[in-house]
Amino acid sequence: MSDLTRLGEYFEKKSINKASVARKTGLGKNRLTSITTSETARLTAEELYLVALAIEENPCELLEYVCGDLKLIKE
């Protein structure tokens, strides 16, 4: 699973069809490709929520999967 974001890894792991997600969410195919393959593309909360609804996943669980590796800076 190279050159994929955490969301891209999730899509691949679950065999999620990007075209179907694009139709259901209104997000463009190019945008979905960007947020699933480019680490510099910033996924918005609104996009994550719509994607979760489209794939019938709990938005909080998808957020945990996508952002669970983030850590606070130690003081």
N, C-alpha and C. Protein backbone atom coordinates (compact mmCIF):
# COMPACT_ATOMS: atom_id res chain seq x y z
N MET A 1 0.84 -1.19 0.00
CA MET A 1 0.00 0.00 0.00
C MET A 1 0.88 1.25 0.00
N SER A 2 1.59 1.47 -1.07
CA SER A 2 2.48 2.61 -1.14
C SER A 2 1.77 3.81 -1.75
N ASP A 3 2.27 4.98 -1.41
CA ASP A 3 1.75 6.23 -1.96
C ASP A 3 0.26 6.44 -1.68
N LEU A 4 -0.20 5.98 -0.52
CA LEU A 4 -1.59 6.20 -0.13
C LEU A 4 -1.63 6.91 1.21
N THR A 5 -2.63 7.75 1.37
CA THR A 5 -2.88 8.35 2.68
C THR A 5 -3.57 7.29 3.55
N ARG A 6 -3.79 7.61 4.81
CA ARG A 6 -4.51 6.67 5.68
C ARG A 6 -5.92 6.43 5.11
N LEU A 7 -6.55 7.46 4.58
CA LEU A 7 -7.87 7.27 3.98
C LEU A 7 -7.76 6.36 2.75
N GLY A 8 -6.72 6.55 1.96
CA GLY A 8 -6.49 5.69 0.80
C GLY A 8 -6.27 4.24 1.20
N GLU A 9 -5.53 4.03 2.28
CA GLU A 9 -5.33 2.68 2.80
C GLU A 9 -6.66 2.06 3.22
N TYR A 10 -7.50 2.86 3.85
CA TYR A 10 -8.81 2.38 4.29
C TYR A 10 -9.66 1.99 3.09
N PHE A 11 -9.67 2.83 2.07
CA PHE A 11 -10.42 2.53 0.85
C PHE A 11 -9.94 1.22 0.24
N GLU A 12 -8.61 1.05 0.18
CA GLU A 12 -8.05 -0.16 -0.41
C GLU A 12 -8.39 -1.39 0.43
N LYS A 13 -8.24 -1.27 1.74
CA LYS A 13 -8.50 -2.39 2.65
C LYS A 13 -9.95 -2.86 2.55
N LYS A 14 -10.87 -1.90 2.41
CA LYS A 14 -12.30 -2.22 2.37
C LYS A 14 -12.83 -2.35 0.94
N SER A 15 -11.96 -2.24 -0.04
CA SER A 15 -12.35 -2.30 -1.46
C SER A 15 -13.48 -1.32 -1.79
N ILE A 16 -13.28 -0.08 -1.39
CA ILE A 16 -14.29 0.97 -1.58
C ILE A 16 -14.13 1.58 -2.97
N ASN A 17 -15.24 1.71 -3.67
CA ASN A 17 -15.26 2.26 -5.02
C ASN A 17 -15.32 3.79 -4.94
N LYS A 18 -14.27 4.45 -5.40
CA LYS A 18 -14.20 5.92 -5.34
C LYS A 18 -15.29 6.59 -6.17
N ALA A 19 -15.62 6.02 -7.32
CA ALA A 19 -16.67 6.61 -8.17
C ALA A 19 -18.00 6.63 -7.44
N SER A 20 -18.30 5.57 -6.73
CA SER A 20 -19.54 5.50 -5.96
C SER A 20 -19.55 6.54 -4.84
N VAL A 21 -18.42 6.66 -4.15
CA VAL A 21 -18.30 7.66 -3.08
C VAL A 21 -18.45 9.07 -3.65
N ALA A 22 -17.85 9.30 -4.80
CA ALA A 22 -17.94 10.62 -5.45
C ALA A 22 -19.40 10.96 -5.76
N ARG A 23 -20.13 10.01 -6.30
CA ARG A 23 -21.55 10.25 -6.63
C ARG A 23 -22.36 10.53 -5.37
N LYS A 24 -22.14 9.77 -4.32
CA LYS A 24 -22.93 9.91 -3.10
C LYS A 24 -22.61 11.18 -2.32
N THR A 25 -21.36 11.62 -2.39
CA THR A 25 -20.94 12.77 -1.58
C THR A 25 -20.94 14.09 -2.33
N GLY A 26 -20.86 14.02 -3.66
CA GLY A 26 -20.74 15.25 -4.43
C GLY A 26 -19.29 15.71 -4.57
N LEU A 27 -18.36 14.96 -3.97
CA LEU A 27 -16.95 15.29 -4.13
C LEU A 27 -16.49 14.83 -5.51
N GLY A 28 -15.65 15.60 -6.13
CA GLY A 28 -15.14 15.22 -7.45
C GLY A 28 -14.20 14.03 -7.37
N LYS A 29 -14.11 13.29 -8.47
CA LYS A 29 -13.20 12.14 -8.52
C LYS A 29 -11.76 12.59 -8.31
N ASN A 30 -11.41 13.75 -8.85
CA ASN A 30 -10.04 14.27 -8.67
C ASN A 30 -9.76 14.57 -7.20
N ARG A 31 -10.77 15.13 -6.52
CA ARG A 31 -10.59 15.44 -5.10
C ARG A 31 -10.42 14.14 -4.29
N LEU A 32 -11.23 13.15 -4.58
CA LEU A 32 -11.11 11.87 -3.88
C LEU A 32 -9.74 11.24 -4.13
N THR A 33 -9.28 11.31 -5.36
CA THR A 33 -7.95 10.79 -5.67
C THR A 33 -6.90 11.54 -4.86
N SER A 34 -7.04 12.85 -4.79
CA SER A 34 -6.09 13.67 -4.06
C SER A 34 -6.04 13.31 -2.57
N ILE A 35 -7.21 13.20 -1.92
CA ILE A 35 -7.22 12.93 -0.47
C ILE A 35 -6.91 11.47 -0.12
N THR A 36 -6.85 10.62 -1.14
CA THR A 36 -6.49 9.22 -0.87
C THR A 36 -5.06 8.89 -1.29
N THR A 37 -4.41 9.82 -2.01
CA THR A 37 -3.05 9.53 -2.47
C THR A 37 -2.00 10.59 -2.12
N SER A 38 -2.42 11.79 -1.78
CA SER A 38 -1.46 12.87 -1.55
C SER A 38 -1.42 13.28 -0.08
N GLU A 39 -0.27 13.12 0.54
CA GLU A 39 -0.10 13.51 1.94
C GLU A 39 -0.23 15.02 2.13
N THR A 40 -0.04 15.79 1.06
CA THR A 40 -0.16 17.24 1.19
C THR A 40 -1.60 17.72 1.07
N ALA A 41 -2.48 16.89 0.57
CA ALA A 41 -3.91 17.25 0.48
C ALA A 41 -4.51 17.17 1.88
N ARG A 42 -5.20 18.20 2.27
CA ARG A 42 -5.80 18.25 3.60
C ARG A 42 -7.27 17.88 3.53
N LEU A 43 -7.60 16.80 4.19
CA LEU A 43 -8.97 16.31 4.27
C LEU A 43 -9.74 17.17 5.27
N THR A 44 -10.88 17.71 4.85
CA THR A 44 -11.67 18.53 5.77
C THR A 44 -12.61 17.64 6.58
N ALA A 45 -13.08 18.17 7.70
CA ALA A 45 -14.03 17.44 8.54
C ALA A 45 -15.30 17.14 7.77
N GLU A 46 -15.75 18.09 6.96
CA GLU A 46 -16.96 17.90 6.17
C GLU A 46 -16.80 16.77 5.17
N GLU A 47 -15.63 16.71 4.52
CA GLU A 47 -15.37 15.64 3.56
C GLU A 47 -15.33 14.29 4.26
N LEU A 48 -14.64 14.23 5.39
CA LEU A 48 -14.55 12.98 6.13
C LEU A 48 -15.93 12.50 6.55
N TYR A 49 -16.76 13.41 7.02
CA TYR A 49 -18.12 13.05 7.46
C TYR A 49 -18.94 12.52 6.28
N LEU A 50 -18.89 13.20 5.15
CA LEU A 50 -19.63 12.75 3.97
C LEU A 50 -19.15 11.39 3.48
N VAL A 51 -17.84 11.19 3.48
CA VAL A 51 -17.28 9.90 3.07
C VAL A 51 -17.77 8.81 4.01
N ALA A 52 -17.74 9.06 5.31
CA ALA A 52 -18.20 8.07 6.29
C ALA A 52 -19.66 7.71 6.04
N LEU A 53 -20.49 8.69 5.79
CA LEU A 53 -21.90 8.42 5.50
C LEU A 53 -22.04 7.60 4.22
N ALA A 54 -21.27 7.95 3.21
CA ALA A 54 -21.36 7.27 1.92
C ALA A 54 -20.96 5.80 2.00
N ILE A 55 -20.00 5.49 2.87
CA ILE A 55 -19.53 4.10 2.98
C ILE A 55 -20.15 3.39 4.18
N GLU A 56 -21.12 4.05 4.78
CA GLU A 56 -21.86 3.49 5.91
C GLU A 56 -20.93 3.09 7.06
N GLU A 57 -20.04 4.00 7.38
CA GLU A 57 -19.09 3.80 8.48
C GLU A 57 -19.36 4.86 9.54
N ASN A 58 -19.09 4.54 10.78
CA ASN A 58 -19.23 5.50 11.87
C ASN A 58 -18.18 6.60 11.65
N PRO A 59 -18.60 7.87 11.56
CA PRO A 59 -17.64 8.95 11.31
C PRO A 59 -16.52 9.02 12.35
N CYS A 60 -16.84 8.72 13.60
CA CYS A 60 -15.81 8.77 14.65
C CYS A 60 -14.77 7.66 14.46
N GLU A 61 -15.22 6.49 14.04
CA GLU A 61 -14.29 5.39 13.80
C GLU A 61 -13.41 5.66 12.60
N LEU A 62 -13.98 6.27 11.57
CA LEU A 62 -13.17 6.62 10.39
C LEU A 62 -12.16 7.70 10.76
N LEU A 63 -12.57 8.67 11.55
CA LEU A 63 -11.65 9.71 12.02
C LEU A 63 -10.51 9.10 12.82
N GLU A 64 -10.83 8.17 13.70
CA GLU A 64 -9.80 7.50 14.50
C GLU A 64 -8.81 6.76 13.59
N TYR A 65 -9.32 6.09 12.56
CA TYR A 65 -8.44 5.37 11.64
C TYR A 65 -7.54 6.34 10.87
N VAL A 66 -8.14 7.40 10.37
CA VAL A 66 -7.40 8.35 9.53
C VAL A 66 -6.41 9.19 10.34
N CYS A 67 -6.81 9.59 11.55
CA CYS A 67 -5.98 10.53 12.33
C CYS A 67 -5.41 9.94 13.61
N GLY A 68 -5.61 8.67 13.84
CA GLY A 68 -5.20 8.03 15.09
C GLY A 68 -3.72 8.05 15.39
N ASP A 69 -2.91 8.29 14.39
CA ASP A 69 -1.46 8.32 14.61
C ASP A 69 -0.95 9.69 15.03
N LEU A 70 -1.82 10.69 15.09
CA LEU A 70 -1.39 12.04 15.50
C LEU A 70 -1.15 12.07 17.01
N LYS A 71 -0.15 12.79 17.42
CA LYS A 71 0.21 12.89 18.84
C LYS A 71 0.41 14.36 19.22
N LEU A 72 0.11 14.64 20.47
CA LEU A 72 0.36 15.98 21.00
C LEU A 72 1.85 16.19 21.18
N ILE A 73 2.27 17.44 21.13
CA ILE A 73 3.66 17.79 21.38
C ILE A 73 3.88 17.80 22.89
N LYS A 74 4.94 17.12 23.31
CA LYS A 74 5.26 17.09 24.75
C LYS A 74 5.83 18.42 25.16
N GLU A 75 5.40 18.89 26.32
CA GLU A 75 5.90 20.18 26.83
C GLU A 75 7.20 20.02 27.56
